[in-house]
Amino acid sequence: MIENITAFSKGMYTEGTSHGHKVIIDEPASMGGTDKGANPLATLLISLAGCENAIANFVAKEINFDLQGIDFEVSGDIDPRGMMGKRESARISRKSL
């Protein structure tokens, strides 16, 4: 299965569309955005939770298990100094995800 999206970006704002569903990704004003959507890291983490949920439901159906729901807590750590032109003081790699 191949997923195709279209996206438009202006500044920190990105609006993507897939199968008629719109996703907005933006940064808060403190990071130069307009805060009209979740930030990129939050969007990634939500996507991970969504993927885990889909897989759990596929497996539950396969083994005839009545899955009533799942609660997720997902966190990620990013050092924004690297994005704000302060690279000399920023971590080079992610610390955790």
Protein backbone atom coordinates (compact mmCIF):
# COMPACT_ATOMS: atom_id res chain seq x y z
CA MET A 1 0.00 0.00 0.00
CA ILE A 2 1.36 3.40 -0.94
CA GLU A 3 0.16 6.51 0.86
CA ASN A 4 0.22 9.77 -1.05
CA ILE A 5 -0.32 13.16 0.55
CA THR A 6 -0.28 16.72 -0.66
CA ALA A 7 1.06 19.50 1.51
CA PHE A 8 1.44 23.25 1.50
CA SER A 9 3.83 25.10 3.77
CA LYS A 10 4.31 28.74 4.63
CA GLY A 11 6.76 29.66 7.35
CA MET A 12 6.42 27.09 10.14
CA TYR A 13 2.84 26.23 9.10
CA THR A 14 2.22 23.05 7.08
CA GLU A 15 -1.15 21.81 5.94
CA GLY A 16 -1.27 18.27 4.59
CA THR A 17 -4.17 16.36 3.06
CA SER A 18 -4.69 12.62 2.74
CA HIS A 19 -7.91 11.10 1.42
CA GLY A 20 -9.82 14.29 2.20
CA HIS A 21 -8.48 14.55 5.77
CA LYS A 22 -6.53 17.67 6.69
CA VAL A 23 -3.62 17.71 9.15
CA ILE A 24 -2.13 21.01 10.31
CA ILE A 25 1.37 21.16 11.76
CA ASP A 26 2.75 24.39 13.16
CA GLU A 27 5.06 25.74 15.82
CA PRO A 28 4.01 27.95 18.72
CA ALA A 29 4.65 31.68 18.41
CA SER A 30 7.72 31.33 20.65
CA MET A 31 9.27 29.13 17.95
CA GLY A 32 8.29 31.39 15.05
CA GLY A 33 4.99 29.75 14.16
CA THR A 34 1.35 30.75 14.41
CA ASP A 35 0.25 27.93 16.77
CA LYS A 36 -2.54 26.79 14.43
CA GLY A 37 -1.70 23.11 14.86
CA ALA A 38 0.33 20.63 16.85
CA ASN A 39 4.09 20.96 16.53
CA PRO A 40 6.03 18.45 14.39
CA LEU A 41 7.27 16.37 17.35
CA ALA A 42 3.77 16.13 18.85
CA THR A 43 2.41 15.14 15.44
CA LEU A 44 5.04 12.40 15.17
CA LEU A 45 4.21 11.08 18.64
CA ILE A 46 0.47 11.10 17.90
CA SER A 47 1.21 9.19 14.69
CA LEU A 48 3.15 6.57 16.65
CA ALA A 49 0.22 6.13 19.04
CA GLY A 50 -2.14 5.85 16.08
CA CYS A 51 0.04 3.18 14.45
CA GLU A 52 0.26 1.20 17.69
CA ASN A 53 -3.51 1.42 18.06
CA ALA A 54 -4.12 0.19 14.52
CA ILE A 55 -1.74 -2.75 14.96
CA ALA A 56 -3.29 -3.68 18.32
CA ASN A 57 -6.76 -3.65 16.77
CA PHE A 58 -5.63 -5.75 13.78
CA VAL A 59 -4.09 -8.32 16.14
CA ALA A 60 -7.11 -8.28 18.46
CA LYS A 61 -9.40 -8.98 15.52
CA GLU A 62 -7.11 -11.76 14.28
CA ILE A 63 -7.13 -13.55 17.65
CA ASN A 64 -10.80 -12.76 18.29
CA PHE A 65 -10.04 -10.55 21.31
CA ASP A 66 -12.56 -7.90 22.35
CA LEU A 67 -10.26 -4.87 22.61
CA GLN A 68 -12.26 -2.10 24.28
CA GLY A 69 -9.68 0.66 23.94
CA ILE A 70 -6.13 1.69 24.71
CA ASP A 71 -4.73 4.69 26.56
CA PHE A 72 -1.35 5.97 25.41
CA GLU A 73 1.27 8.16 27.02
CA VAL A 74 4.06 8.92 24.56
CA SER A 75 6.78 11.48 25.10
CA GLY A 76 9.70 12.80 23.12
CA ASP A 77 12.55 15.15 23.88
CA ILE A 78 13.96 17.70 21.46
CA ASP A 79 16.46 20.50 21.97
CA PRO A 80 15.01 23.53 20.15
CA ARG A 81 18.27 25.50 20.41
CA GLY A 82 19.51 23.76 17.26
CA MET A 83 16.52 25.07 15.33
CA MET A 84 16.88 28.56 16.74
CA GLY A 85 20.41 29.21 15.43
CA LYS A 86 22.18 28.24 18.67
CA ARG A 87 23.74 25.06 17.31
CA GLU A 88 26.96 25.31 19.33
CA SER A 89 25.01 24.78 22.56
CA ALA A 90 22.48 22.26 21.22
CA ARG A 91 22.58 18.49 21.42
CA ILE A 92 23.38 16.91 18.06
CA SER A 93 21.20 13.82 18.40
CA ARG A 94 17.89 13.12 20.04
CA LYS A 95 18.06 12.20 23.69
CA SER A 96 14.96 10.04 23.82
CA LEU A 97 11.81 9.17 21.97
